[in-house]
Amino acid sequence: MPGMARKIVSVLSLAVLGLVLFPALSAVPAHALSAHVRCVQEQLNASGYREGPVDGRLGDPTRAALGLFARDNGLEIDSDVSSDTAVTWCRRIGLTDPALRAFWPSARRPVDLSIAPDVPRDIAARIEATLVPEMQSLSALLGLELAATDEVIVVRNDTWRIALPRMQALRGANDNPFFAEAMERHCTGINRLGGWTVSGLTILCLRDDAVLGESLSERDLRHALRHEALHLIQHQVSALRVRRINETPGWDPHEVPIWMAEGTAVILEGRYPAQSAVNTIDRRLIGTFDDRDWPNLRQLETRHGLKIDYDGVYLGGAVAVSYLIARHGGYPALGQLYERVGEGRRFDNAFADVFGLSLAGFYEEFAALGNTPG
């Protein structure tokens, strides 16, 4: 079973959205998160709550203006406003007035797509052709409008270091070894597709022997695109908080559990029908646990859970999300959940509000599902 899960997960890392091709990969753009702050500032200026430069700096005047806007428009501020959460405020402000959505970066360009020139042209063309439609499909399914412009970089495994300065600059992390370490993990492995997503940025690494229609199927490419697209949506709407794998196992209740984040992506990538976990016709998901222990979701709330039960995070999470979709509100409920987390609500409170049962109660239901005869 672990082998099966790793085969599935091997193509679950990629990226999505709109189209601007071949900006120089070695160029160093402005810090991406400042664009989210500029979006907030532009909308506050246009609505008369702020007068000042649109400089991407989240200072006291911008915070004060946002507080007034939130008060007057009935928007809760349940968490600190920061450059990491500004993307959710960019979206929330615009949702109060359609005219303000003209200031959303997505209105001008939903994605900056950078494809290295040594990526095979047929793969590049497929990514170019499918990014926008797939993103539109997923956001519509969840009932969400997206405000930000995301960055997607596609590189080859042997040339990713050329793009490293751009990746670091996008996150304001020029001296941080995190990106180089992450690229070493994801771009030097055995997978023909390797990739990862942080807020506003997805990296796709293509192995040298990846041949579309042969070693890399169009189906797997589509699933990978949808999977990472879902992560970009999660970041935009909720400022996705998930602790890194090497951090302490304790869970902050404002974080999205890792089983929820990855399970949502596995289900919405289209590899499994949403109800496959709870009907008797297609038992592929539940069947993957026939020869191993049923996952304990309480142990899989942070990335530390990947060390405890890697397969349980992805496939157990997929079973759990499939069950929620089928029994507790459908796809729009998932979108509402991430929106509420983006408002700063504790995850357990948002979960109870959207699905109509407590998180603890769901864990009990999920445990019982594992004991249900097939």
Protein backbone atom coordinates (compact mmCIF):
# COMPACT_ATOMS: atom_id res chain seq x y z
CA MET A 1 0.00 0.00 0.00
CA PRO A 2 2.69 2.60 0.74
CA GLY A 3 4.12 2.00 -2.72
CA MET A 4 0.75 2.68 -4.28
CA ALA A 5 0.32 5.91 -2.38
CA ARG A 6 3.78 7.13 -3.29
CA LYS A 7 3.12 6.34 -6.95
CA ILE A 8 -0.03 8.47 -6.75
CA VAL A 9 1.65 11.26 -4.82
CA SER A 10 4.62 11.23 -7.19
CA VAL A 11 2.59 13.23 -9.70
CA LEU A 12 0.76 15.39 -7.20
CA SER A 13 3.06 18.41 -7.31
CA LEU A 14 2.73 21.10 -9.96
CA ALA A 15 1.03 24.46 -10.50
CA VAL A 16 -1.58 26.55 -12.29
CA LEU A 17 -3.35 29.64 -13.51
CA GLY A 18 -3.06 32.16 -16.30
CA LEU A 19 -0.46 33.05 -18.97
CA VAL A 20 2.63 35.23 -19.34
CA LEU A 21 5.41 33.24 -20.95
CA PHE A 22 9.16 33.37 -20.61
CA PRO A 23 10.01 36.27 -18.35
CA ALA A 24 13.71 35.79 -17.80
CA LEU A 25 14.04 33.10 -15.17
CA SER A 26 17.17 34.70 -13.80
CA ALA A 27 15.45 38.07 -13.32
CA VAL A 28 14.68 39.14 -9.77
CA PRO A 29 11.08 40.41 -9.41
CA ALA A 30 9.61 42.43 -6.56
CA HIS A 31 8.68 40.49 -3.46
CA ALA A 32 5.43 38.75 -4.41
CA LEU A 33 3.72 39.22 -1.07
CA SER A 34 3.99 43.00 -1.41
CA ALA A 35 1.59 42.74 -4.38
CA HIS A 36 -1.06 41.50 -1.96
CA VAL A 37 -0.49 44.52 0.26
CA ARG A 38 -0.68 46.84 -2.77
CA CYS A 39 -4.01 45.26 -3.67
CA VAL A 40 -5.29 46.10 -0.18
CA GLN A 41 -3.94 49.66 -0.38
CA GLU A 42 -5.44 50.33 -3.81
CA GLN A 43 -8.90 49.22 -2.72
CA LEU A 44 -8.73 51.21 0.53
CA ASN A 45 -7.68 54.31 -1.42
CA ALA A 46 -10.46 53.82 -3.98
CA SER A 47 -13.09 53.39 -1.27
CA GLY A 48 -11.98 56.54 0.57
CA TYR A 49 -10.55 54.90 3.69
CA ARG A 50 -6.91 55.68 2.97
CA GLU A 51 -4.82 58.33 1.27
CA GLY A 52 -1.26 57.39 0.62
CA PRO A 53 1.21 55.74 -1.72
CA VAL A 54 0.60 52.22 -2.97
CA ASP A 55 3.99 50.95 -1.86
CA GLY A 56 3.31 47.40 -0.71
CA ARG A 57 4.33 48.21 2.86
CA LEU A 58 1.94 47.17 5.58
CA GLY A 59 2.39 50.08 7.97
CA ASP A 60 0.19 51.59 10.66
CA PRO A 61 -1.82 53.83 8.28
CA THR A 62 -2.81 50.85 6.14
CA ARG A 63 -3.68 48.76 9.20
CA ALA A 64 -5.80 51.58 10.63
CA ALA A 65 -7.64 52.11 7.35
CA LEU A 66 -8.29 48.40 7.04
CA GLY A 67 -9.68 48.32 10.56
CA LEU A 68 -12.14 51.11 9.72
CA PHE A 69 -13.16 49.46 6.45
CA ALA A 70 -13.70 46.13 8.20
CA ARG A 71 -15.81 47.77 10.92
CA ASP A 72 -18.00 49.65 8.46
CA ASN A 73 -18.51 46.61 6.24
CA GLY A 74 -19.09 44.01 8.95
CA LEU A 75 -15.85 42.14 8.33
CA GLU A 76 -14.24 40.43 11.28
CA ILE A 77 -10.53 40.74 11.98
CA ASP A 78 -9.84 37.61 13.97
CA SER A 79 -6.10 37.38 13.37
CA ASP A 80 -3.09 39.62 12.85
CA VAL A 81 -2.94 41.43 9.54
CA SER A 82 0.41 40.63 7.93
CA SER A 83 2.01 40.30 4.53
CA ASP A 84 1.10 36.59 4.68
CA THR A 85 -2.61 37.26 5.31
CA ALA A 86 -2.88 40.31 3.03
CA VAL A 87 -3.89 38.04 0.15
CA THR A 88 -7.10 37.13 1.99
CA TRP A 89 -7.82 40.83 2.66
CA CYS A 90 -7.23 41.70 -0.99
CA ARG A 91 -10.04 39.28 -1.78
CA ARG A 92 -12.36 40.08 1.15
CA ILE A 93 -12.35 43.83 0.43
CA GLY A 94 -13.27 43.27 -3.21
CA LEU A 95 -16.10 40.90 -2.34
CA THR A 96 -17.89 43.78 -0.59
CA ASP A 97 -18.12 45.84 -3.81
CA PRO A 98 -17.82 44.54 -7.39
CA ALA A 99 -16.27 47.86 -8.47
CA LEU A 100 -13.28 47.23 -6.20
CA ARG A 101 -12.49 43.95 -7.94
CA ALA A 102 -10.97 45.97 -10.78
CA PHE A 103 -8.00 46.35 -8.40
CA TRP A 104 -7.58 42.62 -7.97
CA PRO A 105 -4.33 41.49 -9.62
CA SER A 106 -6.24 38.55 -11.11
CA ALA A 107 -8.32 41.01 -13.13
CA ARG A 108 -5.18 41.90 -15.06
CA ARG A 109 -3.44 38.55 -15.04
CA PRO A 110 -4.34 35.46 -12.99
CA VAL A 111 -0.87 33.92 -13.28
CA ASP A 112 2.68 34.63 -14.29
CA LEU A 113 3.82 31.44 -15.99
CA SER A 114 7.57 31.06 -16.52
CA ILE A 115 8.69 28.03 -18.50
CA ALA A 116 12.38 27.37 -18.94
CA PRO A 117 13.42 27.13 -22.61
CA ASP A 118 14.75 23.58 -22.18
CA VAL A 119 11.32 22.21 -21.17
CA PRO A 120 9.97 20.08 -24.06
CA ARG A 121 7.65 22.17 -26.17
CA ASP A 122 4.75 19.69 -26.15
CA ILE A 123 4.70 19.64 -22.34
CA ALA A 124 5.00 23.43 -22.20
CA ALA A 125 2.15 23.79 -24.69
CA ARG A 126 -0.08 21.48 -22.68
CA ILE A 127 0.54 23.45 -19.50
CA GLU A 128 -0.11 26.74 -21.31
CA ALA A 129 -3.37 25.43 -22.75
CA THR A 130 -4.82 23.89 -19.59
CA LEU A 131 -3.86 26.19 -16.72
CA VAL A 132 -6.66 28.72 -16.97
CA PRO A 133 -9.48 26.26 -17.75
CA GLU A 134 -8.50 23.97 -14.89
CA MET A 135 -8.28 26.84 -12.45
CA GLN A 136 -11.63 28.19 -13.55
CA SER A 137 -13.17 24.75 -13.16
CA LEU A 138 -11.86 24.27 -9.63
CA SER A 139 -12.74 27.73 -8.36
CA ALA A 140 -16.26 27.46 -9.83
CA LEU A 141 -16.71 24.03 -8.24
CA LEU A 142 -15.86 25.52 -4.85
CA GLY A 143 -17.93 28.65 -5.41
CA LEU A 144 -14.91 30.95 -5.06
CA GLU A 145 -13.62 34.03 -6.86
CA LEU A 146 -9.86 34.51 -6.85
CA ALA A 147 -8.14 37.86 -6.45
CA ALA A 148 -4.38 37.35 -6.65
CA THR A 149 -1.85 36.64 -9.36
CA ASP A 150 0.11 33.48 -8.67
CA GLU A 151 3.56 32.65 -9.94
CA VAL A 152 4.24 29.30 -11.64
CA ILE A 153 7.76 28.30 -12.63
CA VAL A 154 8.49 25.20 -14.71
CA VAL A 155 12.10 24.00 -14.84
CA ARG A 156 14.12 20.93 -15.68
CA ASN A 157 15.75 18.93 -12.91
CA ASP A 158 19.25 19.66 -14.12
CA THR A 159 18.80 23.42 -14.63
CA TRP A 160 16.59 24.55 -11.72
CA ARG A 161 19.43 26.46 -10.08
CA ILE A 162 19.14 29.12 -12.80
CA ALA A 163 15.66 29.97 -11.49
CA LEU A 164 16.61 29.90 -7.80
CA PRO A 165 17.23 33.69 -7.41
CA ARG A 166 13.76 34.41 -8.84
CA MET A 167 12.09 31.95 -6.47
CA GLN A 168 13.87 33.38 -3.46
CA ALA A 169 13.04 36.95 -4.45
CA LEU A 170 9.37 36.13 -4.89
CA ARG A 171 9.22 35.26 -1.21
CA GLY A 172 11.66 37.90 0.02
CA ALA A 173 14.01 35.11 1.07
CA ASN A 174 17.24 35.89 -0.75
CA ASP A 175 19.43 34.66 2.10
CA ASN A 176 17.16 31.85 3.26
CA PRO A 177 18.40 28.34 2.41
CA PHE A 178 14.83 26.98 2.48
CA PHE A 179 14.29 27.24 -1.26
CA ALA A 180 17.56 25.59 -2.21
CA GLU A 181 16.90 22.77 0.25
CA ALA A 182 13.34 22.32 -1.05
CA MET A 183 14.50 22.28 -4.64
CA GLU A 184 17.13 19.69 -3.82
CA ARG A 185 14.41 17.46 -2.34
CA HIS A 186 11.87 17.88 -5.11
CA CYS A 187 14.06 18.25 -8.18
CA THR A 188 16.63 15.52 -7.66
CA GLY A 189 14.36 12.60 -6.82
CA ILE A 190 13.01 9.73 -8.89
CA ASN A 191 9.71 11.35 -9.86
CA ARG A 192 9.22 12.51 -13.43
CA LEU A 193 7.19 15.38 -11.97
CA GLY A 194 8.33 16.97 -8.77
CA GLY A 195 6.98 20.16 -7.33
CA TRP A 196 5.80 22.15 -4.37
CA THR A 197 3.67 25.16 -3.52
CA VAL A 198 3.93 28.02 -1.06
CA SER A 199 1.71 31.10 -0.95
CA GLY A 200 1.46 32.51 -4.46
CA LEU A 201 4.19 30.32 -5.93
CA THR A 202 4.38 26.83 -7.40
CA ILE A 203 7.53 25.19 -8.71
CA LEU A 204 7.36 22.29 -11.14
CA CYS A 205 10.46 20.22 -11.80
CA LEU A 206 10.48 18.01 -14.86
CA ARG A 207 12.85 15.07 -15.03
CA ASP A 208 14.96 14.74 -18.15
CA ASP A 209 13.30 11.49 -19.26
CA ALA A 210 9.71 12.79 -18.94
CA VAL A 211 8.09 12.22 -22.35
CA LEU A 212 4.47 13.28 -22.76
CA GLY A 213 2.28 10.35 -23.76
CA GLU A 214 4.93 7.81 -22.76
CA SER A 215 6.67 8.10 -19.39
CA LEU A 216 4.37 11.00 -18.49
CA SER A 217 0.71 10.52 -19.37
CA GLU A 218 -1.57 13.43 -20.18
CA ARG A 219 -3.89 12.19 -17.44
CA ASP A 220 -1.16 12.37 -14.81
CA LEU A 221 -0.09 15.81 -16.01
CA ARG A 222 -3.68 17.06 -15.70
CA HIS A 223 -4.06 15.57 -12.23
CA ALA A 224 -0.82 17.15 -11.10
CA LEU A 225 -1.87 20.55 -12.43
CA ARG A 226 -5.21 20.36 -10.64
CA HIS A 227 -3.60 19.19 -7.40
CA GLU A 228 -1.21 22.11 -7.11
CA ALA A 229 -3.87 24.49 -8.42
CA LEU A 230 -5.95 23.52 -5.44
CA HIS A 231 -3.08 24.38 -3.11
CA LEU A 232 -2.77 27.80 -4.73
CA ILE A 233 -6.50 28.34 -4.16
CA GLN A 234 -6.15 27.27 -0.53
CA HIS A 235 -3.35 29.78 -0.01
CA GLN A 236 -5.29 32.60 -1.69
CA VAL A 237 -8.51 32.08 0.23
CA SER A 238 -7.25 31.01 3.65
CA ALA A 239 -3.58 32.09 3.78
CA LEU A 240 -3.07 28.37 4.30
CA ARG A 241 -1.38 27.73 7.61
CA VAL A 242 0.26 24.32 7.83
CA ARG A 243 3.29 23.77 10.00
CA ARG A 244 6.47 22.50 8.37
CA ILE A 245 7.36 18.85 8.69
CA ASN A 246 10.38 19.44 10.92
CA GLU A 247 8.48 21.54 13.45
CA THR A 248 6.94 20.34 16.68
CA PRO A 249 3.93 18.02 16.39
CA GLY A 250 1.62 20.28 18.41
CA TRP A 251 -1.28 21.70 16.39
CA ASP A 252 -2.28 25.37 16.33
CA PRO A 253 -6.09 25.42 15.98
CA HIS A 254 -5.82 28.24 13.42
CA GLU A 255 -3.93 25.92 11.09
CA VAL A 256 -5.56 23.79 8.41
CA PRO A 257 -4.82 20.13 9.24
CA ILE A 258 -2.48 18.58 6.72
CA TRP A 259 -4.92 15.71 6.10
CA MET A 260 -7.53 18.31 5.09
CA ALA A 261 -5.21 20.31 2.84
CA GLU A 262 -3.82 17.29 0.98
CA GLY A 263 -7.05 15.29 1.02
CA THR A 264 -8.89 18.16 -0.66
CA ALA A 265 -6.22 18.36 -3.37
CA VAL A 266 -6.28 14.59 -4.02
CA ILE A 267 -10.06 14.54 -4.41
CA LEU A 268 -10.33 17.66 -6.55
CA GLU A 269 -7.51 16.69 -8.87
CA GLY A 270 -10.03 14.21 -10.29
CA ARG A 271 -8.19 10.97 -9.65
CA TYR A 272 -11.10 9.66 -7.59
CA PRO A 273 -14.82 10.47 -7.80
CA ALA A 274 -15.85 12.56 -4.83
CA GLN A 275 -18.15 9.87 -3.45
CA SER A 276 -15.84 6.93 -4.08
CA ALA A 277 -15.07 6.60 -0.38
CA VAL A 278 -18.66 6.14 0.72
CA ASN A 279 -20.40 3.99 -1.88
CA THR A 280 -20.21 0.27 -2.60
CA ILE A 281 -19.46 0.61 -6.33
CA ASP A 282 -16.02 2.16 -6.19
CA ARG A 283 -14.05 1.25 -3.07
CA ARG A 284 -10.60 2.10 -4.36
CA LEU A 285 -9.86 4.65 -1.68
CA ILE A 286 -11.10 2.62 1.28
CA GLY A 287 -9.60 -0.50 -0.28
CA THR A 288 -6.11 0.98 -0.05
CA PHE A 289 -6.39 0.46 3.72
CA ASP A 290 -7.38 -3.20 3.58
CA ASP A 291 -3.87 -4.34 4.50
CA ARG A 292 -2.94 -1.59 6.93
CA ASP A 293 -4.29 0.35 9.90
CA TRP A 294 -7.09 2.85 9.35
CA PRO A 295 -5.57 6.34 9.69
CA ASN A 296 -5.97 8.33 12.91
CA LEU A 297 -6.69 11.85 11.69
CA ARG A 298 -5.88 13.35 15.07
CA GLN A 299 -2.27 12.31 14.52
CA LEU A 300 -2.21 13.82 11.03
CA GLU A 301 -3.01 17.44 11.73
CA THR A 302 0.46 18.89 11.07
CA ARG A 303 3.16 18.08 8.54
CA HIS A 304 4.75 16.04 11.28
CA GLY A 305 2.01 13.58 10.35
CA LEU A 306 3.89 12.89 7.12
CA LYS A 307 6.56 11.24 9.25
CA ILE A 308 3.96 9.25 11.18
CA ASP A 309 1.75 8.10 8.31
CA TYR A 310 2.61 9.49 4.89
CA ASP A 311 -0.05 7.47 3.07
CA GLY A 312 -2.64 8.28 5.70
CA VAL A 313 -2.19 12.02 5.12
CA TYR A 314 -2.87 11.83 1.39
CA LEU A 315 -5.22 8.88 0.93
CA GLY A 316 -6.77 8.91 4.40
CA GLY A 317 -7.30 12.63 3.93
CA ALA A 318 -8.92 11.92 0.56
CA VAL A 319 -11.33 9.45 2.16
CA ALA A 320 -12.19 12.02 4.85
CA VAL A 321 -12.77 14.86 2.38
CA SER A 322 -14.77 12.59 0.09
CA TYR A 323 -16.97 11.66 3.03
CA LEU A 324 -17.50 15.32 3.92
CA ILE A 325 -18.44 16.17 0.34
CA ALA A 326 -20.92 13.29 0.10
CA ARG A 327 -22.53 13.59 3.52
CA HIS A 328 -22.00 17.13 4.77
CA GLY A 329 -22.56 19.87 2.23
CA GLY A 330 -20.85 19.12 -1.08
CA TYR A 331 -18.07 21.04 -2.81
CA PRO A 332 -19.29 24.57 -1.91
CA ALA A 333 -18.91 23.67 1.76
CA LEU A 334 -15.20 23.13 1.17
CA GLY A 335 -14.89 26.60 -0.31
CA GLN A 336 -16.79 28.07 2.63
CA LEU A 337 -14.48 26.29 5.07
CA TYR A 338 -11.35 27.83 3.58
CA GLU A 339 -13.02 31.25 3.44
CA ARG A 340 -13.80 31.11 7.15
CA VAL A 341 -10.24 30.09 7.98
CA GLY A 342 -9.12 33.07 5.88
CA GLU A 343 -11.23 35.28 8.12
CA GLY A 344 -9.03 34.21 11.02
CA ARG A 345 -11.41 31.73 12.61
CA ARG A 346 -10.13 28.69 14.43
CA PHE A 347 -10.28 25.68 12.15
CA ASP A 348 -12.45 23.65 14.52
CA ASN A 349 -14.98 26.49 14.78
CA ALA A 350 -15.03 27.01 11.01
CA PHE A 351 -15.42 23.25 10.49
CA ALA A 352 -18.41 23.05 12.85
CA ASP A 353 -20.01 26.11 11.26
CA VAL A 354 -19.74 24.76 7.71
CA PHE A 355 -20.32 21.03 8.14
CA GLY A 356 -22.75 21.10 11.05
CA LEU A 357 -20.75 18.83 13.34
CA SER A 358 -17.78 19.27 15.60
CA LEU A 359 -14.30 18.29 14.48
CA ALA A 360 -14.18 15.80 17.36
CA GLY A 361 -17.50 14.37 16.23
CA PHE A 362 -16.22 13.98 12.70
CA TYR A 363 -13.14 12.16 13.91
CA GLU A 364 -15.46 9.68 15.61
CA GLU A 365 -17.53 9.27 12.43
CA PHE A 366 -14.37 8.74 10.41
CA ALA A 367 -13.06 6.11 12.84
CA ALA A 368 -16.39 4.30 12.59
CA LEU A 369 -16.20 4.41 8.77
CA GLY A 370 -13.00 2.41 8.98
CA ASN A 371 -14.84 -0.30 10.89
CA THR A 372 -17.71 -0.53 8.38
CA PRO A 373 -17.78 -3.89 6.56
CA GLY A 374 -17.25 -3.62 2.80
